[in-house]
């Protein structure tokens, strides 16, 4: 049996804590103190922590905390580390810091149009060749996919992730509200047991209605009319008392935006 991924476990705990914070079940101080225990040590001995406000992963490079992706080539340690003091500063204070502005360029002596024409054309041609060759290599080696290209022009899919943190099963229906003219609306259903995590891929940007029901008795738990944008990831955390919504790559900073009944994402 494959051992659970500690990064995924920490993310699930983060959203449980975030849901409790936004619903008033724990204080901000308790939330940040609990994040200290979510630190993960990988096989190279590096320490990873989720950011307080974003939930994105940060790794300590020996000098400072930097944002990074633990799901690339990182292998987690076979046994999770014991809680310990974090290098330099605590995990609960990890937030990305804006880089300083670049220095102003030194004034250069003016050159005529003819002096710039030939070098400029050569640079442009070289740039086109490099980009073309690099794009072909990336596409051939699956570093760039069709979905990546579609997302760049605003036509790519988006992901809707459902985290069920109730102690019973739920049924989730995702239905497209404004399909393209002449096409049928896309629709999908997900059944999640207690503490399951599943995802639905919305192939087309637009409006979708996400409905939640308890499997036992078909009790209505709530719904969200979600405007899905290309390339984005939306996360719903179904708690015993309410449902929390979050946009993973652009999380809200307003508490009411995390509850589907008051969230701007569900209007």
C-alpha atoms as a PDB file:
ATOM      1  CA  UNK A   1       0.000   0.000   0.000  1.00  0.00           C
ATOM      2  CA  UNK A   2       1.404   3.371  -1.028  1.00  0.00           C
ATOM      3  CA  UNK A   3       2.202   5.640   1.905  1.00  0.00           C
ATOM      4  CA  UNK A   4       0.303   8.965   2.034  1.00  0.00           C
ATOM      5  CA  UNK A   5       2.082  12.010   0.655  1.00  0.00           C
ATOM      6  CA  UNK A   6       2.951  14.316   3.590  1.00  0.00           C
ATOM      7  CA  UNK A   7       2.638  17.403   1.373  1.00  0.00           C
ATOM      8  CA  UNK A   8      -0.929  16.472   0.432  1.00  0.00           C
ATOM      9  CA  UNK A   9      -1.739  15.656   4.059  1.00  0.00           C
ATOM     10  CA  UNK A  10      -0.391  19.052   5.162  1.00  0.00           C
ATOM     11  CA  UNK A  11      -2.458  20.831   2.481  1.00  0.00           C
ATOM     12  CA  UNK A  12      -5.619  19.072   3.644  1.00  0.00           C
ATOM     13  CA  UNK A  13      -4.895  20.063   7.243  1.00  0.00           C
ATOM     14  CA  UNK A  14      -4.235  23.646   6.088  1.00  0.00           C
ATOM     15  CA  UNK A  15      -7.683  23.937   4.516  1.00  0.00           C
ATOM     16  CA  UNK A  16      -9.345  22.354   7.542  1.00  0.00           C
ATOM     17  CA  UNK A  17      -7.640  24.971   9.724  1.00  0.00           C
ATOM     18  CA  UNK A  18      -8.476  27.732   7.240  1.00  0.00           C
ATOM     19  CA  UNK A  19     -12.128  26.699   7.288  1.00  0.00           C
ATOM     20  CA  UNK A  20     -12.170  26.705  11.093  1.00  0.00           C
ATOM     21  CA  UNK A  21     -10.544  30.160  11.117  1.00  0.00           C
ATOM     22  CA  UNK A  22     -13.015  31.682   8.680  1.00  0.00           C
ATOM     23  CA  UNK A  23     -16.004  30.194  10.486  1.00  0.00           C
ATOM     24  CA  UNK A  24     -14.777  31.474  13.867  1.00  0.00           C
ATOM     25  CA  UNK A  25     -14.007  28.090  15.409  1.00  0.00           C
ATOM     26  CA  UNK A  26     -10.371  29.045  16.106  1.00  0.00           C
ATOM     27  CA  UNK A  27      -8.559  32.372  16.512  1.00  0.00           C
ATOM     28  CA  UNK A  28      -5.904  33.788  14.197  1.00  0.00           C
ATOM     29  CA  UNK A  29      -3.260  33.027  16.837  1.00  0.00           C
ATOM     30  CA  UNK A  30      -4.391  29.390  17.106  1.00  0.00           C
ATOM     31  CA  UNK A  31      -4.403  29.102  13.313  1.00  0.00           C
ATOM     32  CA  UNK A  32      -0.825  30.352  12.940  1.00  0.00           C
ATOM     33  CA  UNK A  33       0.373  28.222  15.861  1.00  0.00           C
ATOM     34  CA  UNK A  34      -1.174  25.113  14.252  1.00  0.00           C
ATOM     35  CA  UNK A  35       0.618  25.818  10.960  1.00  0.00           C
ATOM     36  CA  UNK A  36       3.917  25.282  12.762  1.00  0.00           C
ATOM     37  CA  UNK A  37       3.161  21.549  12.922  1.00  0.00           C
ATOM     38  CA  UNK A  38       2.548  21.287   9.150  1.00  0.00           C
ATOM     39  CA  UNK A  39       6.252  21.594   8.297  1.00  0.00           C
ATOM     40  CA  UNK A  40       7.493  18.797   6.006  1.00  0.00           C
ATOM     41  CA  UNK A  41      11.086  17.635   5.619  1.00  0.00           C
ATOM     42  CA  UNK A  42      12.031  16.158   2.233  1.00  0.00           C
ATOM     43  CA  UNK A  43      14.637  13.502   1.471  1.00  0.00           C
ATOM     44  CA  UNK A  44      17.308  16.194   0.987  1.00  0.00           C
ATOM     45  CA  UNK A  45      16.734  17.497   4.515  1.00  0.00           C
ATOM     46  CA  UNK A  46      15.037  20.706   3.376  1.00  0.00           C
ATOM     47  CA  UNK A  47      12.102  22.094   5.323  1.00  0.00           C
ATOM     48  CA  UNK A  48       8.817  23.084   3.621  1.00  0.00           C
ATOM     49  CA  UNK A  49       5.928  25.090   5.079  1.00  0.00           C
ATOM     50  CA  UNK A  50       2.645  26.433   3.646  1.00  0.00           C
ATOM     51  CA  UNK A  51       2.261  30.221   3.549  1.00  0.00           C
ATOM     52  CA  UNK A  52      -0.197  31.694   6.055  1.00  0.00           C
ATOM     53  CA  UNK A  53      -2.414  33.602   3.626  1.00  0.00           C
ATOM     54  CA  UNK A  54      -1.938  31.748   0.336  1.00  0.00           C
ATOM     55  CA  UNK A  55      -1.350  28.114   1.339  1.00  0.00           C
ATOM     56  CA  UNK A  56       1.419  27.940  -1.282  1.00  0.00           C
ATOM     57  CA  UNK A  57       4.570  26.006  -0.390  1.00  0.00           C
ATOM     58  CA  UNK A  58       7.820  27.673   0.727  1.00  0.00           C
ATOM     59  CA  UNK A  59      11.159  25.891   1.103  1.00  0.00           C
ATOM     60  CA  UNK A  60      14.118  27.026   3.193  1.00  0.00           C
ATOM     61  CA  UNK A  61      17.192  27.208   0.942  1.00  0.00           C
ATOM     62  CA  UNK A  62      19.648  27.634   3.830  1.00  0.00           C
ATOM     63  CA  UNK A  63      19.304  31.400   3.969  1.00  0.00           C
ATOM     64  CA  UNK A  64      15.647  32.335   3.519  1.00  0.00           C
ATOM     65  CA  UNK A  65      12.188  31.021   2.632  1.00  0.00           C
ATOM     66  CA  UNK A  66      11.400  30.936  -1.089  1.00  0.00           C
ATOM     67  CA  UNK A  67       8.212  29.876  -2.879  1.00  0.00           C
ATOM     68  CA  UNK A  68       8.617  26.511  -4.674  1.00  0.00           C
ATOM     69  CA  UNK A  69       6.665  23.505  -5.957  1.00  0.00           C
ATOM     70  CA  UNK A  70       7.139  20.327  -3.871  1.00  0.00           C
ATOM     71  CA  UNK A  71       5.470  18.112  -6.486  1.00  0.00           C
ATOM     72  CA  UNK A  72       8.237  18.376  -9.087  1.00  0.00           C
ATOM     73  CA  UNK A  73      11.321  16.314  -8.312  1.00  0.00           C
ATOM     74  CA  UNK A  74      11.108  16.575  -4.518  1.00  0.00           C
ATOM     75  CA  UNK A  75      10.850  13.288  -2.645  1.00  0.00           C
ATOM     76  CA  UNK A  76       9.382  13.556   0.897  1.00  0.00           C
ATOM     77  CA  UNK A  77      11.161  11.938   3.799  1.00  0.00           C
ATOM     78  CA  UNK A  78      10.020   8.405   4.646  1.00  0.00           C
ATOM     79  CA  UNK A  79       9.088   9.526   8.152  1.00  0.00           C
ATOM     80  CA  UNK A  80       7.787  13.005   9.000  1.00  0.00           C
ATOM     81  CA  UNK A  81      10.045  15.122  11.241  1.00  0.00           C
ATOM     82  CA  UNK A  82       9.209  15.821  14.832  1.00  0.00           C
ATOM     83  CA  UNK A  83       7.950  19.379  15.526  1.00  0.00           C
ATOM     84  CA  UNK A  84      10.975  21.578  15.886  1.00  0.00           C
ATOM     85  CA  UNK A  85      12.026  25.197  15.672  1.00  0.00           C
ATOM     86  CA  UNK A  86      12.120  26.421  12.095  1.00  0.00           C
ATOM     87  CA  UNK A  87      15.314  27.939  10.603  1.00  0.00           C
ATOM     88  CA  UNK A  88      15.565  31.698  11.038  1.00  0.00           C
ATOM     89  CA  UNK A  89      11.803  32.385  11.393  1.00  0.00           C
ATOM     90  CA  UNK A  90       8.565  30.524  12.058  1.00  0.00           C
ATOM     91  CA  UNK A  91       6.398  28.951   9.379  1.00  0.00           C
ATOM     92  CA  UNK A  92       3.408  31.096  10.374  1.00  0.00           C
ATOM     93  CA  UNK A  93       5.164  34.266   9.183  1.00  0.00           C
ATOM     94  CA  UNK A  94       6.174  33.012   5.744  1.00  0.00           C
ATOM     95  CA  UNK A  95       4.915  35.425   3.115  1.00  0.00           C
ATOM     96  CA  UNK A  96       6.460  36.248  -0.273  1.00  0.00           C
ATOM     97  CA  UNK A  97       8.415  39.500  -0.257  1.00  0.00           C
ATOM     98  CA  UNK A  98       8.333  41.790  -3.263  1.00  0.00           C
ATOM     99  CA  UNK A  99      11.779  42.161  -4.882  1.00  0.00           C
ATOM    100  CA  UNK A 100      13.392  45.606  -4.830  1.00  0.00           C
ATOM    101  CA  UNK A 101      12.890  47.744  -7.947  1.00  0.00           C
ATOM    102  CA  UNK A 102      15.619  47.445 -10.583  1.00  0.00           C
ATOM    103  CA  UNK A 103      18.223  50.214 -10.649  1.00  0.00           C
ATOM    104  CA  UNK A 104      17.674  53.014 -13.110  1.00  0.00           C
ATOM    105  CA  UNK A 105      19.695  52.530 -16.317  1.00  0.00           C
ATOM    106  CA  UNK A 106      22.624  54.783 -16.899  1.00  0.00           C
ATOM    107  CA  UNK A 107      22.112  57.276 -19.761  1.00  0.00           C
ATOM    108  CA  UNK A 108      23.808  56.182 -22.950  1.00  0.00           C
ATOM    109  CA  UNK A 109      25.020  58.184 -25.843  1.00  0.00           C
ATOM    110  CA  UNK A 110      22.357  58.553 -28.530  1.00  0.00           C
ATOM    111  CA  UNK A 111      22.713  56.614 -31.759  1.00  0.00           C
ATOM    112  CA  UNK A 112      21.073  57.303 -35.080  1.00  0.00           C
ATOM    113  CA  UNK A 113      18.268  55.202 -36.562  1.00  0.00           C
ATOM    114  CA  UNK A 114      20.605  53.590 -39.050  1.00  0.00           C
ATOM    115  CA  UNK A 115      22.907  52.525 -36.223  1.00  0.00           C
ATOM    116  CA  UNK A 116      20.073  50.582 -34.533  1.00  0.00           C
ATOM    117  CA  UNK A 117      18.451  49.091 -37.645  1.00  0.00           C
ATOM    118  CA  UNK A 118      20.859  46.262 -38.533  1.00  0.00           C
ATOM    119  CA  UNK A 119      21.610  45.104 -34.950  1.00  0.00           C
ATOM    120  CA  UNK A 120      17.891  45.315 -34.091  1.00  0.00           C
ATOM    121  CA  UNK A 121      16.911  43.123 -37.044  1.00  0.00           C
ATOM    122  CA  UNK A 122      19.569  40.559 -36.169  1.00  0.00           C
ATOM    123  CA  UNK A 123      18.396  40.404 -32.564  1.00  0.00           C
ATOM    124  CA  UNK A 124      14.776  40.009 -33.679  1.00  0.00           C
ATOM    125  CA  UNK A 125      15.617  37.186 -36.090  1.00  0.00           C
ATOM    126  CA  UNK A 126      17.709  35.413 -33.436  1.00  0.00           C
ATOM    127  CA  UNK A 127      14.894  35.783 -30.911  1.00  0.00           C
ATOM    128  CA  UNK A 128      12.338  34.292 -33.306  1.00  0.00           C
ATOM    129  CA  UNK A 129      14.658  31.343 -34.058  1.00  0.00           C
ATOM    130  CA  UNK A 130      15.340  30.687 -30.366  1.00  0.00           C
ATOM    131  CA  UNK A 131      11.663  30.914 -29.404  1.00  0.00           C
ATOM    132  CA  UNK A 132      10.626  28.699 -32.296  1.00  0.00           C
ATOM    133  CA  UNK A 133      13.223  26.041 -31.507  1.00  0.00           C
ATOM    134  CA  UNK A 134      12.487  26.215 -27.787  1.00  0.00           C
ATOM    135  CA  UNK A 135       8.739  25.964 -28.352  1.00  0.00           C
ATOM    136  CA  UNK A 136       9.141  22.955 -30.649  1.00  0.00           C
ATOM    137  CA  UNK A 137      11.415  21.199 -28.139  1.00  0.00           C
ATOM    138  CA  UNK A 138       9.024  21.933 -25.252  1.00  0.00           C
ATOM    139  CA  UNK A 139       6.009  20.674 -27.211  1.00  0.00           C
ATOM    140  CA  UNK A 140       7.798  17.509 -28.334  1.00  0.00           C
ATOM    141  CA  UNK A 141       8.879  16.720 -24.788  1.00  0.00           C
ATOM    142  CA  UNK A 142       5.429  17.556 -23.301  1.00  0.00           C
ATOM    143  CA  UNK A 143       6.780  20.536 -21.393  1.00  0.00           C
ATOM    144  CA  UNK A 144       4.069  22.557 -23.144  1.00  0.00           C
ATOM    145  CA  UNK A 145       0.654  21.014 -23.734  1.00  0.00           C
ATOM    146  CA  UNK A 146      -2.376  22.110 -25.710  1.00  0.00           C
ATOM    147  CA  UNK A 147      -4.074  23.093 -22.451  1.00  0.00           C
ATOM    148  CA  UNK A 148      -1.104  25.340 -21.630  1.00  0.00           C
ATOM    149  CA  UNK A 149      -1.425  27.129 -24.964  1.00  0.00           C
ATOM    150  CA  UNK A 150      -5.200  27.478 -24.592  1.00  0.00           C
ATOM    151  CA  UNK A 151      -4.799  28.883 -21.079  1.00  0.00           C
ATOM    152  CA  UNK A 152      -2.419  31.549 -22.383  1.00  0.00           C
ATOM    153  CA  UNK A 153      -5.140  32.838 -24.731  1.00  0.00           C
ATOM    154  CA  UNK A 154      -7.938  32.511 -22.164  1.00  0.00           C
ATOM    155  CA  UNK A 155      -9.573  29.410 -23.665  1.00  0.00           C
ATOM    156  CA  UNK A 156      -8.074  26.666 -21.508  1.00  0.00           C
ATOM    157  CA  UNK A 157      -9.737  24.478 -18.872  1.00  0.00           C
ATOM    158  CA  UNK A 158     -10.019  25.148 -15.163  1.00  0.00           C
ATOM    159  CA  UNK A 159     -10.120  22.741 -12.215  1.00  0.00           C
ATOM    160  CA  UNK A 160     -12.741  22.588  -9.456  1.00  0.00           C
ATOM    161  CA  UNK A 161     -11.476  20.620  -6.452  1.00  0.00           C
ATOM    162  CA  UNK A 162     -13.806  19.302  -3.758  1.00  0.00           C
ATOM    163  CA  UNK A 163     -12.526  18.419  -0.259  1.00  0.00           C
ATOM    164  CA  UNK A 164     -15.092  16.587   1.886  1.00  0.00           C
ATOM    165  CA  UNK A 165     -14.286  17.046   5.577  1.00  0.00           C
ATOM    166  CA  UNK A 166     -17.660  15.830   6.809  1.00  0.00           C
ATOM    167  CA  UNK A 167     -18.009  12.454   8.497  1.00  0.00           C
ATOM    168  CA  UNK A 168     -20.544  11.333   5.874  1.00  0.00           C
ATOM    169  CA  UNK A 169     -20.660  11.127   2.078  1.00  0.00           C
ATOM    170  CA  UNK A 170     -21.710  13.933  -0.271  1.00  0.00           C
ATOM    171  CA  UNK A 171     -22.834  14.197  -3.915  1.00  0.00           C
ATOM    172  CA  UNK A 172     -21.611  17.132  -6.003  1.00  0.00           C
ATOM    173  CA  UNK A 173     -23.067  18.220  -9.352  1.00  0.00           C
ATOM    174  CA  UNK A 174     -21.254  20.659 -11.650  1.00  0.00           C
ATOM    175  CA  UNK A 175     -23.354  22.080 -14.509  1.00  0.00           C
ATOM    176  CA  UNK A 176     -22.422  24.623 -17.185  1.00  0.00           C
ATOM    177  CA  UNK A 177     -24.873  27.548 -17.263  1.00  0.00           C
ATOM    178  CA  UNK A 178     -23.926  29.386 -20.463  1.00  0.00           C
ATOM    179  CA  UNK A 179     -22.685  26.903 -23.092  1.00  0.00           C
ATOM    180  CA  UNK A 180     -21.591  28.099 -26.525  1.00  0.00           C
ATOM    181  CA  UNK A 181     -24.383  28.553 -29.049  1.00  0.00           C
ATOM    182  CA  UNK A 182     -25.335  25.264 -30.657  1.00  0.00           C
ATOM    183  CA  UNK A 183     -23.648  23.060 -28.019  1.00  0.00           C
ATOM    184  CA  UNK A 184     -25.062  21.202 -25.039  1.00  0.00           C
ATOM    185  CA  UNK A 185     -24.057  22.274 -21.518  1.00  0.00           C
ATOM    186  CA  UNK A 186     -21.375  20.118 -19.939  1.00  0.00           C
ATOM    187  CA  UNK A 187     -22.227  18.458 -16.646  1.00  0.00           C
ATOM    188  CA  UNK A 188     -20.485  16.162 -14.203  1.00  0.00           C
ATOM    189  CA  UNK A 189     -21.237  14.401 -10.921  1.00  0.00           C
ATOM    190  CA  UNK A 190     -18.879  13.463  -8.104  1.00  0.00           C
ATOM    191  CA  UNK A 191     -19.567  11.219  -5.118  1.00  0.00           C
ATOM    192  CA  UNK A 192     -17.192  11.700  -2.203  1.00  0.00           C
ATOM    193  CA  UNK A 193     -16.954   9.588   0.904  1.00  0.00           C
ATOM    194  CA  UNK A 194     -15.915  11.143   4.203  1.00  0.00           C
ATOM    195  CA  UNK A 195     -12.549  12.925   3.846  1.00  0.00           C
ATOM    196  CA  UNK A 196     -12.336  12.268   0.091  1.00  0.00           C
ATOM    197  CA  UNK A 197     -10.740  14.744  -2.326  1.00  0.00           C
ATOM    198  CA  UNK A 198     -11.856  14.784  -5.967  1.00  0.00           C
ATOM    199  CA  UNK A 199     -11.690  17.253  -8.863  1.00  0.00           C
ATOM    200  CA  UNK A 200     -13.787  18.208 -11.887  1.00  0.00           C
ATOM    201  CA  UNK A 201     -12.173  19.750 -14.971  1.00  0.00           C
ATOM    202  CA  UNK A 202     -14.255  22.491 -16.592  1.00  0.00           C
ATOM    203  CA  UNK A 203     -13.127  22.440 -20.222  1.00  0.00           C
ATOM    204  CA  UNK A 204     -14.666  25.810 -21.125  1.00  0.00           C
ATOM    205  CA  UNK A 205     -14.449  29.100 -19.195  1.00  0.00           C
ATOM    206  CA  UNK A 206     -17.810  30.508 -18.146  1.00  0.00           C
ATOM    207  CA  UNK A 207     -20.545  30.165 -15.547  1.00  0.00           C
ATOM    208  CA  UNK A 208     -21.029  26.892 -13.669  1.00  0.00           C
ATOM    209  CA  UNK A 209     -23.390  25.912 -10.883  1.00  0.00           C
ATOM    210  CA  UNK A 210     -21.853  23.669  -8.209  1.00  0.00           C
ATOM    211  CA  UNK A 211     -24.430  21.937  -6.002  1.00  0.00           C
ATOM    212  CA  UNK A 212     -23.739  19.983  -2.796  1.00  0.00           C
ATOM    213  CA  UNK A 213     -26.003  17.348  -1.218  1.00  0.00           C
ATOM    214  CA  UNK A 214     -25.557  14.833   1.577  1.00  0.00           C
ATOM    215  CA  UNK A 215     -25.629  11.313   0.123  1.00  0.00           C
ATOM    216  CA  UNK A 216     -27.772  10.053   2.977  1.00  0.00           C
ATOM    217  CA  UNK A 217     -31.245  11.564   2.615  1.00  0.00           C
ATOM    218  CA  UNK A 218     -30.231  13.852  -0.284  1.00  0.00           C
ATOM    219  CA  UNK A 219     -30.123  16.854   2.084  1.00  0.00           C
ATOM    220  CA  UNK A 220     -29.317  20.109   0.276  1.00  0.00           C
ATOM    221  CA  UNK A 221     -26.047  21.527   1.673  1.00  0.00           C
ATOM    222  CA  UNK A 222     -25.731  24.598  -0.563  1.00  0.00           C
ATOM    223  CA  UNK A 223     -24.798  25.762  -4.054  1.00  0.00           C
ATOM    224  CA  UNK A 224     -22.425  28.200  -5.753  1.00  0.00           C
ATOM    225  CA  UNK A 225     -22.839  29.903  -9.151  1.00  0.00           C
ATOM    226  CA  UNK A 226     -19.166  30.099 -10.044  1.00  0.00           C
ATOM    227  CA  UNK A 227     -17.580  32.143 -12.841  1.00  0.00           C
ATOM    228  CA  UNK A 228     -14.754  29.866 -14.001  1.00  0.00           C
ATOM    229  CA  UNK A 229     -11.731  31.473 -15.639  1.00  0.00           C
ATOM    230  CA  UNK A 230      -9.190  29.753 -17.858  1.00  0.00           C
ATOM    231  CA  UNK A 231      -6.232  28.136 -16.096  1.00  0.00           C
ATOM    232  CA  UNK A 232      -7.490  28.750 -12.562  1.00  0.00           C
ATOM    233  CA  UNK A 233      -8.086  26.271  -9.734  1.00  0.00           C
ATOM    234  CA  UNK A 234     -11.046  26.566  -7.393  1.00  0.00           C
ATOM    235  CA  UNK A 235     -11.245  24.655  -4.120  1.00  0.00           C
ATOM    236  CA  UNK A 236     -14.338  23.864  -2.074  1.00  0.00           C
ATOM    237  CA  UNK A 237     -13.945  22.565   1.478  1.00  0.00           C
ATOM    238  CA  UNK A 238     -17.156  20.973   2.774  1.00  0.00           C
ATOM    239  CA  UNK A 239     -17.203  21.275   6.563  1.00  0.00           C
ATOM    240  CA  UNK A 240     -19.862  19.918   8.962  1.00  0.00           C
ATOM    241  CA  UNK A 241     -21.503  23.352   9.396  1.00  0.00           C
ATOM    242  CA  UNK A 242     -20.764  25.175   6.125  1.00  0.00           C
ATOM    243  CA  UNK A 243     -18.886  25.144   2.816  1.00  0.00           C
ATOM    244  CA  UNK A 244     -15.738  27.201   2.225  1.00  0.00           C
ATOM    245  CA  UNK A 245     -14.612  28.286  -1.263  1.00  0.00           C
ATOM    246  CA  UNK A 246     -11.140  29.449  -2.295  1.00  0.00           C
ATOM    247  CA  UNK A 247      -9.360  30.376  -5.530  1.00  0.00           C
ATOM    248  CA  UNK A 248      -5.968  28.664  -5.174  1.00  0.00           C
ATOM    249  CA  UNK A 249      -3.911  30.928  -7.442  1.00  0.00           C
ATOM    250  CA  UNK A 250      -5.567  34.160  -6.261  1.00  0.00           C
ATOM    251  CA  UNK A 251      -6.983  33.674  -2.739  1.00  0.00           C
ATOM    252  CA  UNK A 252      -9.230  36.278  -1.166  1.00  0.00           C
ATOM    253  CA  UNK A 253      -8.159  38.348   1.827  1.00  0.00           C
ATOM    254  CA  UNK A 254     -11.736  39.014   3.009  1.00  0.00           C
ATOM    255  CA  UNK A 255     -13.188  36.541   5.523  1.00  0.00           C
ATOM    256  CA  UNK A 256     -16.721  36.590   4.106  1.00  0.00           C
ATOM    257  CA  UNK A 257     -15.374  35.584   0.687  1.00  0.00           C
ATOM    258  CA  UNK A 258     -14.512  32.119   2.002  1.00  0.00           C
ATOM    259  CA  UNK A 259     -18.124  31.099   2.764  1.00  0.00           C
ATOM    260  CA  UNK A 260     -20.248  30.272  -0.297  1.00  0.00           C
ATOM    261  CA  UNK A 261     -23.335  32.114   0.994  1.00  0.00           C
ATOM    262  CA  UNK A 262     -21.418  35.424   1.099  1.00  0.00           C
ATOM    263  CA  UNK A 263     -18.483  34.848  -1.284  1.00  0.00           C
ATOM    264  CA  UNK A 264     -18.004  37.117  -4.295  1.00  0.00           C
ATOM    265  CA  UNK A 265     -16.941  33.977  -6.210  1.00  0.00           C
ATOM    266  CA  UNK A 266     -20.487  32.584  -5.933  1.00  0.00           C
ATOM    267  CA  UNK A 267     -22.388  35.560  -7.331  1.00  0.00           C
END
